[in-house]
């Protein structure tokens, strides 16, 4: 006999989102004891603890994390089924992820067109590194994500959507960079580990036995480019993004070897695409 139902999962999700039983009860319009009982019943049915105490707060157990990933998927499918049966059009939240560079240089016209065609869909866009985005798709926190080579995504489907050219940027005082050794002793400016562009650059440097003097990590290309322009170090960015930035003239661009500069952006997703994802895929270049 099936032990899960959407009502119990809705209560479970509310406790997670609100960070506790009391706030979840207020949100759901239920008494606190009812919410507590339903969570205990759910744990008994599954034979696993879903939460653990951390001070005064409740945090998810590993089993709770797994259940949440499935619950998010089930709610999405339920919303999609109701929408399709009633209207034949996608509606509701559509959660996708993207590299910041792709979001800044590629997605604005695409998502604008998508919005005009499907006004009932609310696109929720999250940015991150390739590694972080793939993990969130795998855990069903995102329906799909735009990620960059190189990446591994076992269990996910993927489709190449954009061709990118990576360029090396330095301060304008550096006249030329013809080989990796020219960067010896300089500072690498990059996103955190998990960034596929950083991985490609580090592999190129490593093949030439070049180690940056140090690495500075940033969370936005605007900050990275400003730091490079100030003469702090070097970075690698997609040319499409650099052309879209007003500060592009403040840095000097250097060509990378073909094996490093040629890159592709892929869309990755899990399982059968939702109606909203199918409509987005139809707008992508073939």
Protein backbone atom coordinates (compact mmCIF):
# COMPACT_ATOMS: atom_id res chain seq x y z
CA UNK A 1 0.00 0.00 0.00
CA UNK A 2 1.29 3.50 -0.88
CA UNK A 3 2.50 5.34 2.25
CA UNK A 4 2.92 8.80 0.72
CA UNK A 5 0.30 11.36 -0.26
CA UNK A 6 0.65 14.92 -1.51
CA UNK A 7 -1.05 16.37 1.57
CA UNK A 8 1.55 14.83 3.90
CA UNK A 9 4.34 15.94 1.58
CA UNK A 10 2.92 19.48 1.52
CA UNK A 11 3.13 19.60 5.31
CA UNK A 12 6.66 18.18 5.21
CA UNK A 13 7.75 20.75 2.62
CA UNK A 14 6.23 23.61 4.64
CA UNK A 15 8.22 22.59 7.73
CA UNK A 16 11.39 22.59 5.62
CA UNK A 17 10.66 25.94 3.98
CA UNK A 18 9.58 27.67 7.19
CA UNK A 19 12.33 26.17 9.30
CA UNK A 20 10.09 24.77 12.03
CA UNK A 21 6.75 23.33 13.10
CA UNK A 22 5.22 26.54 14.47
CA UNK A 23 5.84 28.70 11.39
CA UNK A 24 4.72 25.86 9.12
CA UNK A 25 1.46 25.55 11.06
CA UNK A 26 0.83 29.29 10.70
CA UNK A 27 1.49 29.15 6.97
CA UNK A 28 -0.78 26.13 6.46
CA UNK A 29 -3.55 27.36 8.77
CA UNK A 30 -3.24 24.29 11.00
CA UNK A 31 -2.69 23.85 14.71
CA UNK A 32 0.84 23.03 15.77
CA UNK A 33 -0.06 19.62 17.21
CA UNK A 34 -1.60 18.55 13.91
CA UNK A 35 1.56 19.36 11.98
CA UNK A 36 3.72 17.58 14.57
CA UNK A 37 1.50 14.49 14.39
CA UNK A 38 1.53 14.38 10.60
CA UNK A 39 5.34 14.59 10.49
CA UNK A 40 5.63 11.79 13.08
CA UNK A 41 3.17 9.65 11.11
CA UNK A 42 5.17 10.22 7.94
CA UNK A 43 8.39 9.19 9.70
CA UNK A 44 6.70 6.08 11.08
CA UNK A 45 5.40 5.08 7.65
CA UNK A 46 8.82 5.48 6.09
CA UNK A 47 10.71 4.03 9.04
CA UNK A 48 13.24 6.84 8.89
CA UNK A 49 13.78 10.12 10.78
CA UNK A 50 13.25 13.11 8.47
CA UNK A 51 14.54 15.84 10.81
CA UNK A 52 17.05 16.25 13.60
CA UNK A 53 17.40 18.91 16.25
CA UNK A 54 20.12 21.55 15.89
CA UNK A 55 19.80 23.90 18.81
CA UNK A 56 16.27 25.26 18.62
CA UNK A 57 15.95 24.56 14.92
CA UNK A 58 15.00 21.51 12.88
CA UNK A 59 17.34 20.47 10.08
CA UNK A 60 16.81 17.76 7.51
CA UNK A 61 18.35 14.35 8.02
CA UNK A 62 19.97 12.68 4.98
CA UNK A 63 16.70 10.76 4.51
CA UNK A 64 14.79 14.02 4.72
CA UNK A 65 17.01 15.56 2.05
CA UNK A 66 16.25 12.62 -0.25
CA UNK A 67 12.51 12.84 0.39
CA UNK A 68 12.53 16.60 -0.26
CA UNK A 69 14.13 16.10 -3.68
CA UNK A 70 11.40 13.63 -4.64
CA UNK A 71 8.66 15.80 -3.13
CA UNK A 72 9.75 18.79 -5.24
CA UNK A 73 9.57 16.62 -8.33
CA UNK A 74 6.13 15.24 -7.43
CA UNK A 75 4.70 18.72 -6.84
CA UNK A 76 6.05 19.91 -10.16
CA UNK A 77 4.50 16.95 -11.95
CA UNK A 78 1.17 17.47 -10.18
CA UNK A 79 1.11 21.15 -11.15
CA UNK A 80 2.07 20.30 -14.70
CA UNK A 81 -0.62 17.62 -15.01
CA UNK A 82 -3.33 19.95 -13.72
CA UNK A 83 -2.18 22.76 -16.00
CA UNK A 84 -2.03 20.62 -19.12
CA UNK A 85 -5.42 19.06 -18.52
CA UNK A 86 -7.09 22.39 -17.86
CA UNK A 87 -5.44 24.69 -20.37
CA UNK A 88 -3.05 22.79 -22.58
CA UNK A 89 -0.48 25.49 -21.72
CA UNK A 90 2.38 25.50 -19.21
CA UNK A 91 1.81 27.55 -16.07
CA UNK A 92 3.38 27.96 -12.65
CA UNK A 93 6.97 28.14 -11.48
CA UNK A 94 9.72 27.04 -13.89
CA UNK A 95 13.05 26.75 -12.07
CA UNK A 96 16.15 26.77 -14.24
CA UNK A 97 19.81 27.43 -13.63
CA UNK A 98 22.55 29.08 -15.63
CA UNK A 99 26.16 30.12 -15.58
CA UNK A 100 26.36 33.83 -14.84
CA UNK A 101 28.09 34.41 -18.18
CA UNK A 102 25.31 32.66 -20.10
CA UNK A 103 22.64 34.53 -18.19
CA UNK A 104 24.37 37.83 -18.92
CA UNK A 105 25.07 37.30 -22.61
CA UNK A 106 22.62 34.74 -23.99
CA UNK A 107 19.42 34.34 -22.02
CA UNK A 108 17.77 37.78 -22.01
CA UNK A 109 16.28 37.57 -25.53
CA UNK A 110 15.49 33.87 -25.12
CA UNK A 111 13.60 34.29 -21.84
CA UNK A 112 11.88 37.45 -23.10
CA UNK A 113 10.48 35.49 -26.06
CA UNK A 114 9.52 32.60 -23.78
CA UNK A 115 7.63 35.00 -21.51
CA UNK A 116 5.71 36.50 -24.42
CA UNK A 117 4.66 33.05 -25.63
CA UNK A 118 3.90 31.60 -22.19
CA UNK A 119 2.83 34.40 -19.81
CA UNK A 120 1.42 31.91 -17.31
CA UNK A 121 4.89 30.59 -16.51
CA UNK A 122 6.99 32.27 -13.82
CA UNK A 123 10.66 31.67 -14.63
CA UNK A 124 12.89 31.44 -11.56
CA UNK A 125 16.51 31.72 -12.68
CA UNK A 126 19.41 30.77 -10.42
CA UNK A 127 23.07 31.22 -11.31
CA UNK A 128 26.06 29.20 -10.19
CA UNK A 129 29.05 27.19 -11.31
CA UNK A 130 28.66 24.17 -13.56
CA UNK A 131 29.30 21.77 -10.70
CA UNK A 132 26.78 23.41 -8.38
CA UNK A 133 24.11 23.62 -11.08
CA UNK A 134 24.44 19.96 -12.06
CA UNK A 135 24.08 18.96 -8.42
CA UNK A 136 20.89 21.02 -8.09
CA UNK A 137 19.40 19.47 -11.23
CA UNK A 138 20.28 16.00 -9.94
CA UNK A 139 18.52 16.81 -6.65
CA UNK A 140 15.45 18.15 -8.53
CA UNK A 141 15.88 21.64 -7.13
CA UNK A 142 16.13 22.86 -10.73
CA UNK A 143 14.39 21.43 -13.78
CA UNK A 144 17.29 22.21 -16.09
CA UNK A 145 20.46 24.26 -16.25
CA UNK A 146 22.80 25.83 -18.79
CA UNK A 147 26.29 24.51 -18.01
CA UNK A 148 29.66 24.53 -19.72
CA UNK A 149 32.26 22.01 -20.79
CA UNK A 150 34.00 20.19 -19.27
CA UNK A 151 31.40 18.50 -17.08
CA UNK A 152 30.13 15.09 -16.05
CA UNK A 153 26.42 14.59 -15.45
CA UNK A 154 25.61 10.90 -14.93
CA UNK A 155 21.90 10.22 -15.22
CA UNK A 156 21.13 13.56 -16.87
CA UNK A 157 20.20 14.30 -20.47
CA UNK A 158 22.08 17.07 -22.26
CA UNK A 159 21.97 19.10 -25.45
CA UNK A 160 24.57 21.47 -26.88
CA UNK A 161 23.00 24.91 -27.35
CA UNK A 162 25.67 27.64 -27.63
CA UNK A 163 29.18 27.86 -29.06
CA UNK A 164 31.51 29.97 -26.96
CA UNK A 165 35.01 31.38 -27.45
CA UNK A 166 37.01 31.84 -24.27
CA UNK A 167 39.54 34.66 -24.04
CA UNK A 168 42.25 35.43 -21.53
CA UNK A 169 42.08 38.92 -20.03
CA UNK A 170 44.78 40.83 -18.19
CA UNK A 171 45.49 44.40 -17.20
CA UNK A 172 46.37 46.66 -20.11
CA UNK A 173 50.00 46.89 -18.95
CA UNK A 174 50.59 43.29 -20.08
CA UNK A 175 51.27 43.59 -23.80
CA UNK A 176 51.16 39.96 -24.86
CA UNK A 177 50.59 36.45 -23.52
CA UNK A 178 51.78 33.88 -26.04
CA UNK A 179 52.13 30.86 -23.76
CA UNK A 180 51.15 29.70 -20.32
CA UNK A 181 54.62 30.43 -18.94
CA UNK A 182 53.99 34.16 -19.52
CA UNK A 183 51.50 34.01 -16.63
CA UNK A 184 53.92 32.50 -14.10
CA UNK A 185 53.89 34.37 -10.81
CA UNK A 186 50.64 36.22 -11.56
CA UNK A 187 47.34 35.95 -9.69
CA UNK A 188 44.45 33.89 -11.06
CA UNK A 189 41.05 35.56 -10.70
CA UNK A 190 38.16 33.12 -10.99
CA UNK A 191 34.94 31.73 -9.65
CA UNK A 192 35.05 29.08 -6.92
CA UNK A 193 35.94 25.46 -7.65
CA UNK A 194 33.23 23.89 -9.78
CA UNK A 195 33.62 26.55 -12.49
CA UNK A 196 34.28 24.73 -15.78
CA UNK A 197 36.11 27.73 -17.31
CA UNK A 198 38.47 27.81 -14.34
CA UNK A 199 39.05 24.06 -14.69
CA UNK A 200 39.96 24.45 -18.37
CA UNK A 201 42.38 27.31 -17.61
CA UNK A 202 44.03 25.43 -14.72
CA UNK A 203 44.51 22.36 -16.94
CA UNK A 204 46.27 24.54 -19.53
CA UNK A 205 48.52 26.09 -16.89
CA UNK A 206 49.19 22.73 -15.26
CA UNK A 207 50.24 21.14 -18.55
CA UNK A 208 52.98 23.79 -18.73
CA UNK A 209 53.91 23.36 -15.03
CA UNK A 210 52.72 26.90 -14.31
CA UNK A 211 51.23 27.69 -10.92
CA UNK A 212 49.51 31.03 -10.19
CA UNK A 213 51.07 32.99 -7.36
CA UNK A 214 47.66 32.85 -5.70
CA UNK A 215 43.98 32.62 -6.59
CA UNK A 216 41.29 35.19 -5.81
CA UNK A 217 37.71 33.92 -5.98
CA UNK A 218 34.78 36.15 -6.94
CA UNK A 219 31.06 35.64 -7.43
CA UNK A 220 30.46 37.96 -10.38
CA UNK A 221 32.14 38.76 -13.67
CA UNK A 222 31.78 42.49 -13.02
CA UNK A 223 33.97 42.17 -9.93
CA UNK A 224 36.42 39.89 -11.73
CA UNK A 225 36.86 42.25 -14.68
CA UNK A 226 37.26 45.26 -12.38
CA UNK A 227 39.97 43.42 -10.48
CA UNK A 228 41.77 42.41 -13.69
CA UNK A 229 41.53 45.99 -15.00
CA UNK A 230 43.18 47.19 -11.79
CA UNK A 231 46.20 45.02 -12.62
CA UNK A 232 45.62 42.40 -9.95
CA UNK A 233 45.86 39.34 -12.18
CA UNK A 234 44.35 37.41 -15.08
CA UNK A 235 41.07 35.61 -15.82
CA UNK A 236 39.30 33.70 -18.56
CA UNK A 237 35.85 34.77 -19.78
CA UNK A 238 33.57 34.06 -22.75
CA UNK A 239 34.03 36.63 -25.52
CA UNK A 240 30.23 37.00 -25.84
CA UNK A 241 30.03 38.24 -22.25
CA UNK A 242 33.02 40.55 -22.60
CA UNK A 243 31.45 42.22 -25.64
CA UNK A 244 28.32 42.91 -23.60
CA UNK A 245 30.22 44.57 -20.74
CA UNK A 246 31.02 48.27 -20.72
CA UNK A 247 34.29 47.58 -18.92
CA UNK A 248 35.63 45.39 -21.76
CA UNK A 249 37.86 48.25 -22.93
CA UNK A 250 39.56 48.41 -19.54
CA UNK A 251 41.32 45.07 -20.01
CA UNK A 252 43.56 43.54 -22.65
CA UNK A 253 42.38 40.39 -24.46
CA UNK A 254 44.71 37.54 -25.39
CA UNK A 255 43.95 34.58 -27.64
CA UNK A 256 44.08 31.13 -26.04
CA UNK A 257 45.12 27.91 -27.82
CA UNK A 258 42.29 26.38 -29.86
CA UNK A 259 41.90 23.42 -27.50
CA UNK A 260 41.27 25.85 -24.62
CA UNK A 261 39.29 28.64 -26.26
CA UNK A 262 36.72 26.49 -28.08
CA UNK A 263 33.88 25.75 -25.71
CA UNK A 264 30.21 24.81 -25.73
CA UNK A 265 27.31 25.53 -23.40
CA UNK A 266 24.89 22.66 -22.84
CA UNK A 267 21.39 22.42 -21.40
CA UNK A 268 21.11 19.53 -18.92
CA UNK A 269 17.94 18.09 -17.37
CA UNK A 270 16.66 15.00 -15.56
CA UNK A 271 14.01 12.62 -16.82
CA UNK A 272 11.18 13.53 -19.15
CA UNK A 273 11.04 17.29 -19.82
CA UNK A 274 8.07 19.17 -18.39
CA UNK A 275 5.81 21.09 -20.75
CA UNK A 276 7.58 24.35 -19.85
CA UNK A 277 10.99 22.81 -20.53
CA UNK A 278 9.81 21.41 -23.86
CA UNK A 279 8.62 24.88 -24.90
CA UNK A 280 11.97 26.39 -23.88
CA UNK A 281 13.88 23.73 -25.79
CA UNK A 282 11.85 24.55 -28.89
CA UNK A 283 13.22 28.10 -28.79
CA UNK A 284 16.87 27.07 -28.52
CA UNK A 285 19.19 27.05 -31.55
CA UNK A 286 19.47 23.68 -33.28
